Amino acid sequence: MKTEKIMLTLLFGVSSIYAQTDQLSTSIHQFVVTDIDGNPFHFNSLKGKKVMVVNTASKCGLTSQYKKLQSLYDKYGKNNFVIVAFPSNNFMWQEPGSNIDIKAFCEKNYGVSFPVMEKIKVKGRSKHPVYAFLTDANKNGVKGSSVTWNFQKYLIDEEGKLVDVISPRTQPDDPKIIDWIKS
């Protein structure tokens, strides 16, 4: 009888650890990345917040979306919503600058105050681990996708789970996005 209790306790403990590990592996909260200033940025600091992850570029026809992203952040950033931008030079070399150049461009032209990370790759064999997670259904537990252009948006819920992938051409203030933030 005592051995059975020990075995059940051990089995429960192992399955509990597995459940926590499994939950973490399908959550963006597992990642620590580097921000545009070279500092660590812990996604687990965003627990309880809705997150929009977006790949950006300074010399793209969609670059003006920075203005609407900043407006969205100004309006909803106090309501457990955050935007995390990842500059990338993957599409027709539209983000050629250094991190210093990118930061200056974002601040000067759009007053960007939401978190901007260091420049990364969002596709290909050397794709950043965050984008490997976002684009692979086996990693995010929801759906697979590919980053098709600059300003593709990934919506993440309060538990760090992928909710939806939004086309680059869809504006940040699209009703679908606003409804999701407010819900």
N, C-alpha and C. Protein backbone atom coordinates (compact mmCIF):
# COMPACT_ATOMS: atom_id res chain seq x y z
N MET A 1 0.83 -1.20 0.00
CA MET A 1 0.00 0.00 0.00
C MET A 1 0.87 1.25 0.00
N LYS A 2 1.90 1.27 0.84
CA LYS A 2 2.80 2.42 0.92
C LYS A 2 3.54 2.61 -0.41
N THR A 3 3.97 1.51 -1.05
CA THR A 3 4.67 1.57 -2.32
C THR A 3 3.75 2.14 -3.40
N GLU A 4 2.47 1.76 -3.38
CA GLU A 4 1.52 2.29 -4.36
C GLU A 4 1.36 3.79 -4.22
N LYS A 5 1.31 4.29 -2.97
CA LYS A 5 1.18 5.74 -2.74
C LYS A 5 2.41 6.47 -3.26
N ILE A 6 3.58 5.89 -3.00
CA ILE A 6 4.83 6.52 -3.48
C ILE A 6 4.83 6.55 -5.00
N MET A 7 4.44 5.44 -5.62
CA MET A 7 4.42 5.38 -7.08
C MET A 7 3.42 6.38 -7.66
N LEU A 8 2.24 6.48 -7.06
CA LEU A 8 1.24 7.43 -7.54
C LEU A 8 1.73 8.87 -7.36
N THR A 9 2.36 9.16 -6.23
CA THR A 9 2.91 10.50 -5.99
C THR A 9 3.99 10.82 -7.01
N LEU A 10 4.87 9.86 -7.27
CA LEU A 10 5.94 10.05 -8.24
C LEU A 10 5.37 10.24 -9.64
N LEU A 11 4.40 9.42 -10.00
CA LEU A 11 3.76 9.52 -11.31
C LEU A 11 3.07 10.86 -11.47
N PHE A 12 2.37 11.32 -10.44
CA PHE A 12 1.70 12.61 -10.50
C PHE A 12 2.72 13.74 -10.65
N GLY A 13 3.81 13.67 -9.93
CA GLY A 13 4.86 14.68 -10.01
C GLY A 13 5.48 14.76 -11.39
N VAL A 14 5.78 13.60 -11.98
CA VAL A 14 6.37 13.56 -13.32
C VAL A 14 5.38 14.10 -14.35
N SER A 15 4.12 13.69 -14.25
CA SER A 15 3.14 14.18 -15.23
C SER A 15 2.89 15.67 -15.05
N SER A 16 2.98 16.17 -13.84
CA SER A 16 2.82 17.59 -13.59
C SER A 16 3.97 18.39 -14.22
N ILE A 17 5.19 17.88 -14.06
CA ILE A 17 6.35 18.52 -14.67
C ILE A 17 6.23 18.48 -16.18
N TYR A 18 5.81 17.36 -16.73
CA TYR A 18 5.64 17.24 -18.18
C TYR A 18 4.60 18.24 -18.69
N ALA A 19 3.50 18.38 -17.97
CA ALA A 19 2.45 19.30 -18.39
C ALA A 19 2.97 20.73 -18.39
N GLN A 20 3.76 21.10 -17.37
CA GLN A 20 4.32 22.45 -17.33
C GLN A 20 5.30 22.66 -18.46
N THR A 21 6.15 21.68 -18.72
CA THR A 21 7.13 21.78 -19.80
C THR A 21 6.42 21.87 -21.14
N ASP A 22 5.39 21.05 -21.34
CA ASP A 22 4.64 21.06 -22.59
C ASP A 22 3.97 22.41 -22.79
N GLN A 23 3.40 22.98 -21.73
CA GLN A 23 2.75 24.27 -21.82
C GLN A 23 3.78 25.34 -22.19
N LEU A 24 4.93 25.31 -21.59
CA LEU A 24 5.97 26.28 -21.87
C LEU A 24 6.46 26.16 -23.30
N SER A 25 6.57 24.94 -23.81
CA SER A 25 7.11 24.75 -25.15
C SER A 25 6.18 25.29 -26.23
N THR A 26 4.90 25.48 -25.95
CA THR A 26 3.99 26.05 -26.93
C THR A 26 3.63 27.49 -26.57
N SER A 27 4.48 28.13 -25.78
CA SER A 27 4.27 29.52 -25.36
C SER A 27 5.45 30.37 -25.78
N ILE A 28 5.16 31.56 -26.25
CA ILE A 28 6.23 32.48 -26.60
C ILE A 28 6.99 32.94 -25.36
N HIS A 29 6.40 32.72 -24.20
CA HIS A 29 7.03 33.14 -22.94
C HIS A 29 8.35 32.43 -22.65
N GLN A 30 8.66 31.39 -23.38
CA GLN A 30 9.91 30.66 -23.17
C GLN A 30 11.13 31.41 -23.71
N PHE A 31 10.92 32.43 -24.53
CA PHE A 31 12.04 33.07 -25.23
C PHE A 31 12.60 34.29 -24.52
N VAL A 32 13.91 34.42 -24.62
CA VAL A 32 14.62 35.63 -24.24
C VAL A 32 15.34 36.08 -25.51
N VAL A 33 15.08 37.31 -25.92
CA VAL A 33 15.68 37.85 -27.14
C VAL A 33 16.51 39.08 -26.76
N THR A 34 17.09 39.71 -27.76
CA THR A 34 17.89 40.90 -27.53
C THR A 34 17.18 42.10 -28.14
N ASP A 35 17.03 43.16 -27.33
CA ASP A 35 16.35 44.34 -27.86
C ASP A 35 17.30 45.18 -28.71
N ILE A 36 16.80 46.23 -29.29
CA ILE A 36 17.56 47.05 -30.23
C ILE A 36 18.78 47.71 -29.58
N ASP A 37 18.76 47.83 -28.24
CA ASP A 37 19.89 48.41 -27.51
C ASP A 37 20.88 47.36 -27.02
N GLY A 38 20.62 46.08 -27.34
CA GLY A 38 21.52 45.01 -26.92
C GLY A 38 21.22 44.41 -25.57
N ASN A 39 20.07 44.75 -24.99
CA ASN A 39 19.67 44.22 -23.68
C ASN A 39 18.76 43.01 -23.83
N PRO A 40 18.80 42.10 -22.85
CA PRO A 40 17.88 40.97 -22.91
C PRO A 40 16.43 41.42 -22.73
N PHE A 41 15.56 40.80 -23.50
CA PHE A 41 14.12 41.05 -23.40
C PHE A 41 13.46 39.71 -23.16
N HIS A 42 12.81 39.57 -22.01
CA HIS A 42 12.21 38.31 -21.58
C HIS A 42 10.72 38.31 -21.95
N PHE A 43 10.34 37.43 -22.85
CA PHE A 43 8.93 37.34 -23.21
C PHE A 43 8.07 36.93 -22.01
N ASN A 44 8.65 36.25 -21.04
CA ASN A 44 7.83 35.87 -19.87
C ASN A 44 7.41 37.10 -19.06
N SER A 45 8.03 38.26 -19.32
CA SER A 45 7.59 39.50 -18.66
C SER A 45 6.26 39.97 -19.24
N LEU A 46 5.81 39.35 -20.32
CA LEU A 46 4.55 39.73 -20.96
C LEU A 46 3.39 38.82 -20.59
N LYS A 47 3.62 37.93 -19.63
CA LYS A 47 2.52 37.05 -19.20
C LYS A 47 1.34 37.91 -18.76
N GLY A 48 0.15 37.51 -19.21
CA GLY A 48 -1.06 38.25 -18.87
C GLY A 48 -1.37 39.37 -19.85
N LYS A 49 -0.54 39.55 -20.88
CA LYS A 49 -0.77 40.59 -21.88
C LYS A 49 -1.00 39.96 -23.25
N LYS A 50 -1.80 40.63 -24.06
CA LYS A 50 -1.92 40.26 -25.46
C LYS A 50 -0.74 40.90 -26.18
N VAL A 51 -0.17 40.17 -27.12
CA VAL A 51 1.04 40.62 -27.80
C VAL A 51 0.84 40.52 -29.31
N MET A 52 1.27 41.56 -30.01
CA MET A 52 1.37 41.52 -31.46
C MET A 52 2.85 41.52 -31.79
N VAL A 53 3.31 40.46 -32.44
CA VAL A 53 4.69 40.39 -32.92
C VAL A 53 4.65 40.73 -34.40
N VAL A 54 5.52 41.65 -34.82
CA VAL A 54 5.50 42.11 -36.21
C VAL A 54 6.93 42.28 -36.71
N ASN A 55 7.19 41.78 -37.91
CA ASN A 55 8.50 42.00 -38.54
C ASN A 55 8.42 43.29 -39.33
N THR A 56 9.42 44.13 -39.20
CA THR A 56 9.37 45.48 -39.76
C THR A 56 10.55 45.75 -40.70
N ALA A 57 10.41 46.83 -41.46
CA ALA A 57 11.48 47.28 -42.36
C ALA A 57 11.30 48.77 -42.62
N SER A 58 12.41 49.49 -42.70
CA SER A 58 12.39 50.95 -42.85
C SER A 58 12.20 51.44 -44.27
N LYS A 59 12.46 50.60 -45.24
CA LYS A 59 12.43 51.04 -46.64
C LYS A 59 11.43 50.23 -47.46
N CYS A 60 10.30 49.96 -46.88
CA CYS A 60 9.26 49.14 -47.49
C CYS A 60 8.06 50.01 -47.81
N GLY A 61 7.29 49.61 -48.79
CA GLY A 61 6.06 50.32 -49.10
C GLY A 61 5.06 50.28 -47.96
N LEU A 62 5.25 49.36 -47.02
CA LEU A 62 4.34 49.24 -45.87
C LEU A 62 4.90 49.91 -44.61
N THR A 63 6.06 50.57 -44.72
CA THR A 63 6.71 51.17 -43.55
C THR A 63 5.81 52.15 -42.83
N SER A 64 4.90 52.80 -43.55
CA SER A 64 4.00 53.75 -42.90
C SER A 64 3.11 53.08 -41.84
N GLN A 65 3.07 51.74 -41.82
CA GLN A 65 2.31 51.04 -40.78
C GLN A 65 2.88 51.33 -39.39
N TYR A 66 4.13 51.74 -39.31
CA TYR A 66 4.70 52.13 -38.01
C TYR A 66 3.80 53.16 -37.32
N LYS A 67 3.26 54.10 -38.09
CA LYS A 67 2.41 55.15 -37.52
C LYS A 67 1.17 54.54 -36.86
N LYS A 68 0.53 53.61 -37.56
CA LYS A 68 -0.67 52.98 -37.00
C LYS A 68 -0.32 52.02 -35.86
N LEU A 69 0.84 51.37 -35.95
CA LEU A 69 1.28 50.52 -34.83
C LEU A 69 1.46 51.38 -33.58
N GLN A 70 2.11 52.54 -33.73
CA GLN A 70 2.33 53.40 -32.58
C GLN A 70 1.00 53.93 -32.03
N SER A 71 0.08 54.30 -32.90
CA SER A 71 -1.25 54.76 -32.45
C SER A 71 -1.97 53.65 -31.68
N LEU A 72 -1.88 52.43 -32.19
CA LEU A 72 -2.49 51.28 -31.53
C LEU A 72 -1.89 51.08 -30.14
N TYR A 73 -0.58 51.18 -30.07
CA TYR A 73 0.12 51.02 -28.80
C TYR A 73 -0.23 52.16 -27.83
N ASP A 74 -0.31 53.38 -28.34
CA ASP A 74 -0.69 54.51 -27.50
C ASP A 74 -2.09 54.32 -26.92
N LYS A 75 -2.99 53.80 -27.74
CA LYS A 75 -4.39 53.66 -27.32
C LYS A 75 -4.61 52.46 -26.38
N TYR A 76 -3.96 51.32 -26.67
CA TYR A 76 -4.26 50.10 -25.92
C TYR A 76 -3.10 49.57 -25.07
N GLY A 77 -1.95 50.19 -25.15
CA GLY A 77 -0.78 49.71 -24.42
C GLY A 77 -0.95 49.67 -22.91
N LYS A 78 -1.83 50.50 -22.40
CA LYS A 78 -2.09 50.51 -20.95
C LYS A 78 -3.08 49.43 -20.54
N ASN A 79 -3.68 48.77 -21.54
CA ASN A 79 -4.71 47.76 -21.30
C ASN A 79 -4.19 46.34 -21.54
N ASN A 80 -3.00 46.05 -21.04
CA ASN A 80 -2.42 44.71 -21.19
C ASN A 80 -2.25 44.29 -22.63
N PHE A 81 -1.78 45.21 -23.45
CA PHE A 81 -1.47 44.94 -24.85
C PHE A 81 -0.09 45.51 -25.16
N VAL A 82 0.71 44.76 -25.90
CA VAL A 82 2.03 45.24 -26.29
C VAL A 82 2.35 44.80 -27.71
N ILE A 83 3.10 45.62 -28.39
CA ILE A 83 3.60 45.30 -29.72
C ILE A 83 5.09 45.04 -29.57
N VAL A 84 5.59 43.99 -30.18
CA VAL A 84 7.02 43.69 -30.19
C VAL A 84 7.44 43.62 -31.66
N ALA A 85 8.32 44.53 -32.06
CA ALA A 85 8.77 44.60 -33.45
C ALA A 85 10.13 43.94 -33.61
N PHE A 86 10.26 43.22 -34.71
CA PHE A 86 11.53 42.59 -35.08
C PHE A 86 11.93 43.08 -36.47
N PRO A 87 12.83 44.06 -36.55
CA PRO A 87 13.31 44.48 -37.87
C PRO A 87 13.99 43.31 -38.58
N SER A 88 13.78 43.25 -39.90
CA SER A 88 14.34 42.16 -40.69
C SER A 88 14.68 42.66 -42.09
N ASN A 89 15.74 42.14 -42.63
CA ASN A 89 16.19 42.51 -43.97
C ASN A 89 15.93 41.38 -44.98
N ASN A 90 14.93 40.53 -44.69
CA ASN A 90 14.67 39.35 -45.51
C ASN A 90 13.97 39.62 -46.83
N PHE A 91 13.36 40.77 -46.98
CA PHE A 91 12.56 41.01 -48.18
C PHE A 91 13.13 42.18 -48.97
N MET A 92 13.80 41.85 -50.05
CA MET A 92 14.36 42.82 -50.99
C MET A 92 15.25 43.87 -50.30
N TRP A 93 15.95 43.46 -49.27
CA TRP A 93 16.94 44.31 -48.58
C TRP A 93 16.33 45.63 -48.13
N GLN A 94 15.10 45.55 -47.58
CA GLN A 94 14.38 46.76 -47.20
C GLN A 94 14.66 47.22 -45.77
N GLU A 95 15.56 46.52 -45.08
CA GLU A 95 16.01 46.97 -43.76
C GLU A 95 17.53 46.84 -43.71
N PRO A 96 18.23 47.70 -44.47
CA PRO A 96 19.68 47.57 -44.59
C PRO A 96 20.47 48.14 -43.42
N GLY A 97 19.87 48.98 -42.60
CA GLY A 97 20.60 49.69 -41.56
C GLY A 97 21.00 48.84 -40.38
N SER A 98 21.86 49.41 -39.55
CA SER A 98 22.27 48.79 -38.29
C SER A 98 21.16 48.98 -37.26
N ASN A 99 21.30 48.34 -36.12
CA ASN A 99 20.33 48.54 -35.04
C ASN A 99 20.26 50.01 -34.63
N ILE A 100 21.39 50.69 -34.60
CA ILE A 100 21.42 52.12 -34.25
C ILE A 100 20.63 52.93 -35.28
N ASP A 101 20.84 52.62 -36.56
CA ASP A 101 20.12 53.31 -37.64
C ASP A 101 18.61 53.07 -37.53
N ILE A 102 18.25 51.83 -37.29
CA ILE A 102 16.83 51.46 -37.22
C ILE A 102 16.16 52.18 -36.05
N LYS A 103 16.81 52.18 -34.90
CA LYS A 103 16.23 52.85 -33.72
C LYS A 103 16.04 54.34 -33.99
N ALA A 104 17.05 54.98 -34.56
CA ALA A 104 16.95 56.42 -34.85
C ALA A 104 15.81 56.68 -35.85
N PHE A 105 15.70 55.86 -36.87
CA PHE A 105 14.65 56.00 -37.88
C PHE A 105 13.26 55.89 -37.24
N CYS A 106 13.07 54.87 -36.41
CA CYS A 106 11.77 54.63 -35.78
C CYS A 106 11.38 55.77 -34.84
N GLU A 107 12.33 56.24 -34.06
CA GLU A 107 12.03 57.33 -33.12
C GLU A 107 11.78 58.64 -33.85
N LYS A 108 12.63 58.98 -34.80
CA LYS A 108 12.54 60.26 -35.51
C LYS A 108 11.28 60.35 -36.36
N ASN A 109 11.00 59.31 -37.12
CA ASN A 109 9.90 59.36 -38.08
C ASN A 109 8.54 58.95 -37.54
N TYR A 110 8.51 58.11 -36.52
CA TYR A 110 7.23 57.58 -36.05
C TYR A 110 7.04 57.65 -34.54
N GLY A 111 8.03 58.13 -33.81
CA GLY A 111 7.90 58.22 -32.36
C GLY A 111 7.68 56.88 -31.70
N VAL A 112 8.26 55.83 -32.25
CA VAL A 112 8.03 54.48 -31.75
C VAL A 112 8.47 54.35 -30.29
N SER A 113 7.53 53.91 -29.46
CA SER A 113 7.84 53.69 -28.04
C SER A 113 7.58 52.25 -27.61
N PHE A 114 7.03 51.43 -28.50
CA PHE A 114 6.84 50.01 -28.17
C PHE A 114 8.18 49.29 -28.33
N PRO A 115 8.32 48.11 -27.72
CA PRO A 115 9.61 47.40 -27.77
C PRO A 115 10.01 47.01 -29.19
N VAL A 116 11.24 47.37 -29.54
CA VAL A 116 11.82 46.98 -30.82
C VAL A 116 13.05 46.13 -30.50
N MET A 117 13.15 45.00 -31.16
CA MET A 117 14.26 44.07 -30.92
C MET A 117 15.37 44.31 -31.95
N GLU A 118 16.48 43.61 -31.76
CA GLU A 118 17.57 43.70 -32.73
C GLU A 118 17.12 43.11 -34.06
N LYS A 119 17.79 43.48 -35.13
CA LYS A 119 17.48 42.98 -36.47
C LYS A 119 17.77 41.48 -36.52
N ILE A 120 16.82 40.73 -37.09
CA ILE A 120 16.93 39.27 -37.16
C ILE A 120 16.52 38.77 -38.54
N LYS A 121 16.62 37.47 -38.73
CA LYS A 121 16.08 36.81 -39.92
C LYS A 121 14.75 36.15 -39.53
N VAL A 122 13.73 36.36 -40.38
CA VAL A 122 12.41 35.82 -40.08
C VAL A 122 12.04 34.66 -40.99
N LYS A 123 12.95 34.29 -41.89
CA LYS A 123 12.71 33.14 -42.76
C LYS A 123 14.05 32.54 -43.15
N GLY A 124 13.98 31.35 -43.75
CA GLY A 124 15.20 30.68 -44.19
C GLY A 124 15.81 29.79 -43.12
N ARG A 125 16.95 29.20 -43.46
CA ARG A 125 17.59 28.25 -42.54
C ARG A 125 18.10 28.89 -41.26
N SER A 126 18.45 30.17 -41.31
CA SER A 126 18.96 30.83 -40.11
C SER A 126 17.89 31.70 -39.45
N LYS A 127 16.64 31.32 -39.64
CA LYS A 127 15.50 32.01 -39.03
C LYS A 127 15.66 32.06 -37.51
N HIS A 128 15.35 33.20 -36.92
CA HIS A 128 15.43 33.37 -35.47
C HIS A 128 14.50 32.38 -34.77
N PRO A 129 14.88 31.86 -33.59
CA PRO A 129 14.03 30.90 -32.88
C PRO A 129 12.61 31.38 -32.60
N VAL A 130 12.41 32.67 -32.36
CA VAL A 130 11.05 33.17 -32.13
C VAL A 130 10.21 32.96 -33.39
N TYR A 131 10.79 33.22 -34.55
CA TYR A 131 10.04 33.03 -35.79
C TYR A 131 9.94 31.56 -36.16
N ALA A 132 10.88 30.75 -35.76
CA ALA A 132 10.74 29.30 -35.93
C ALA A 132 9.53 28.83 -35.14
N PHE A 133 9.36 29.36 -33.94
CA PHE A 133 8.20 29.05 -33.09
C PHE A 133 6.90 29.55 -33.74
N LEU A 134 6.90 30.80 -34.15
CA LEU A 134 5.67 31.41 -34.69
C LEU A 134 5.19 30.74 -35.97
N THR A 135 6.10 30.21 -36.78
CA THR A 135 5.73 29.69 -38.10
C THR A 135 5.56 28.17 -38.16
N ASP A 136 5.85 27.47 -37.08
CA ASP A 136 5.81 26.00 -37.08
C ASP A 136 4.73 25.49 -36.14
N ALA A 137 3.71 24.85 -36.70
CA ALA A 137 2.61 24.32 -35.90
C ALA A 137 3.09 23.32 -34.85
N ASN A 138 4.14 22.57 -35.15
CA ASN A 138 4.67 21.62 -34.17
C ASN A 138 5.29 22.32 -32.97
N LYS A 139 5.70 23.55 -33.15
CA LYS A 139 6.30 24.31 -32.04
C LYS A 139 5.28 25.19 -31.33
N ASN A 140 4.39 25.83 -32.09
CA ASN A 140 3.43 26.74 -31.44
C ASN A 140 2.12 26.06 -31.06
N GLY A 141 1.90 24.84 -31.57
CA GLY A 141 0.72 24.08 -31.19
C GLY A 141 -0.58 24.54 -31.85
N VAL A 142 -0.51 25.48 -32.78
CA VAL A 142 -1.73 26.01 -33.39
C VAL A 142 -1.73 25.86 -34.90
N LYS A 143 -0.81 26.56 -35.57
CA LYS A 143 -0.79 26.49 -37.03
C LYS A 143 0.56 26.88 -37.58
N GLY A 144 0.81 26.38 -38.77
CA GLY A 144 2.03 26.74 -39.48
C GLY A 144 1.76 27.91 -40.41
N SER A 145 2.80 28.65 -40.69
CA SER A 145 2.69 29.78 -41.61
C SER A 145 4.08 30.07 -42.16
N SER A 146 4.13 30.96 -43.10
CA SER A 146 5.42 31.48 -43.53
C SER A 146 5.30 32.99 -43.55
N VAL A 147 6.39 33.66 -43.26
CA VAL A 147 6.38 35.11 -43.28
C VAL A 147 6.47 35.50 -44.75
N THR A 148 5.44 36.18 -45.24
CA THR A 148 5.35 36.48 -46.66
C THR A 148 5.92 37.84 -47.05
N TRP A 149 6.01 38.75 -46.09
CA TRP A 149 6.52 40.09 -46.38
C TRP A 149 6.70 40.83 -45.05
N ASN A 150 7.23 42.04 -45.15
CA ASN A 150 7.37 42.90 -43.98
C ASN A 150 6.00 43.24 -43.41
N PHE A 151 5.93 43.42 -42.12
CA PHE A 151 4.75 43.83 -41.38
C PHE A 151 3.68 42.75 -41.29
N GLN A 152 4.11 41.47 -41.32
CA GLN A 152 3.19 40.38 -41.00
C GLN A 152 3.02 40.39 -39.48
N LYS A 153 1.81 40.14 -39.04
CA LYS A 153 1.50 40.26 -37.62
C LYS A 153 1.10 38.91 -37.03
N TYR A 154 1.64 38.61 -35.86
CA TYR A 154 1.29 37.41 -35.12
C TYR A 154 0.63 37.84 -33.82
N LEU A 155 -0.59 37.37 -33.60
CA LEU A 155 -1.32 37.72 -32.38
C LEU A 155 -1.15 36.60 -31.36
N ILE A 156 -0.74 36.99 -30.16
CA ILE A 156 -0.43 36.06 -29.08
C ILE A 156 -1.32 36.39 -27.88
N ASP A 157 -1.93 35.38 -27.28
CA ASP A 157 -2.81 35.64 -26.14
C ASP A 157 -2.04 35.81 -24.83
N GLU A 158 -2.77 36.02 -23.77
CA GLU A 158 -2.19 36.30 -22.46
C GLU A 158 -1.33 35.17 -21.91
N GLU A 159 -1.56 33.94 -22.37
CA GLU A 159 -0.77 32.79 -21.94
C GLU A 159 0.43 32.54 -22.85
N GLY A 160 0.61 33.40 -23.85
CA GLY A 160 1.73 33.25 -24.77
C GLY A 160 1.46 32.32 -25.93
N LYS A 161 0.20 32.00 -26.15
CA LYS A 161 -0.20 31.09 -27.24
C LYS A 161 -0.53 31.87 -28.50
N LEU A 162 -0.12 31.33 -29.64
CA LEU A 162 -0.47 31.92 -30.93
C LEU A 162 -1.98 31.85 -31.14
N VAL A 163 -2.56 32.97 -31.54
CA VAL A 163 -3.99 33.04 -31.80
C VAL A 163 -4.26 33.16 -33.30
N ASP A 164 -3.50 34.03 -33.98
CA ASP A 164 -3.78 34.26 -35.39
C ASP A 164 -2.56 34.86 -36.08
N VAL A 165 -2.54 34.72 -37.39
CA VAL A 165 -1.52 35.32 -38.25
C VAL A 165 -2.24 36.29 -39.16
N ILE A 166 -1.77 37.53 -39.19
CA ILE A 166 -2.43 38.58 -39.94
C ILE A 166 -1.53 39.01 -41.11
N SER A 167 -2.11 39.12 -42.26
CA SER A 167 -1.40 39.49 -43.49
C SER A 167 -0.65 40.81 -43.35
N PRO A 168 0.50 40.94 -44.00
CA PRO A 168 1.24 42.20 -43.98
C PRO A 168 0.42 43.40 -44.47
N ARG A 169 -0.46 43.17 -45.43
CA ARG A 169 -1.24 44.27 -46.00
C ARG A 169 -2.41 44.70 -45.10
N THR A 170 -2.76 43.88 -44.13
CA THR A 170 -3.82 44.24 -43.19
C THR A 170 -3.26 45.30 -42.25
N GLN A 171 -3.96 46.41 -42.17
CA GLN A 171 -3.49 47.54 -41.35
C GLN A 171 -3.60 47.20 -39.86
N PRO A 172 -2.69 47.74 -39.06
CA PRO A 172 -2.72 47.47 -37.62
C PRO A 172 -4.02 47.87 -36.92
N ASP A 173 -4.74 48.84 -37.48
CA ASP A 173 -6.00 49.26 -36.86
C ASP A 173 -7.22 48.61 -37.51
N ASP A 174 -7.01 47.49 -38.19
CA ASP A 174 -8.11 46.74 -38.78
C ASP A 174 -9.10 46.33 -37.68
N PRO A 175 -10.40 46.38 -37.95
CA PRO A 175 -11.40 46.01 -36.93
C PRO A 175 -11.16 44.62 -36.32
N LYS A 176 -10.68 43.68 -37.11
CA LYS A 176 -10.43 42.34 -36.58
C LYS A 176 -9.38 42.40 -35.45
N ILE A 177 -8.35 43.19 -35.65
CA ILE A 177 -7.29 43.33 -34.64
C ILE A 177 -7.81 44.09 -33.43
N ILE A 178 -8.53 45.18 -33.67
CA ILE A 178 -9.09 45.98 -32.56
C ILE A 178 -10.03 45.12 -31.72
N ASP A 179 -10.91 44.35 -32.38
CA ASP A 179 -11.84 43.48 -31.65
C ASP A 179 -11.09 42.47 -30.81
N TRP A 180 -10.00 41.92 -31.36
CA TRP A 180 -9.20 40.94 -30.60
C TRP A 180 -8.57 41.60 -29.38
N ILE A 181 -8.02 42.79 -29.54
CA ILE A 181 -7.41 43.49 -28.40
C ILE A 181 -8.44 43.75 -27.32
N LYS A 182 -9.62 44.18 -27.71
CA LYS A 182 -10.67 44.54 -26.75
C LYS A 182 -11.33 43.33 -26.10
N SER A 183 -11.31 42.18 -26.76
CA SER A 183 -12.04 41.02 -26.23
C SER A 183 -11.40 40.47 -24.97
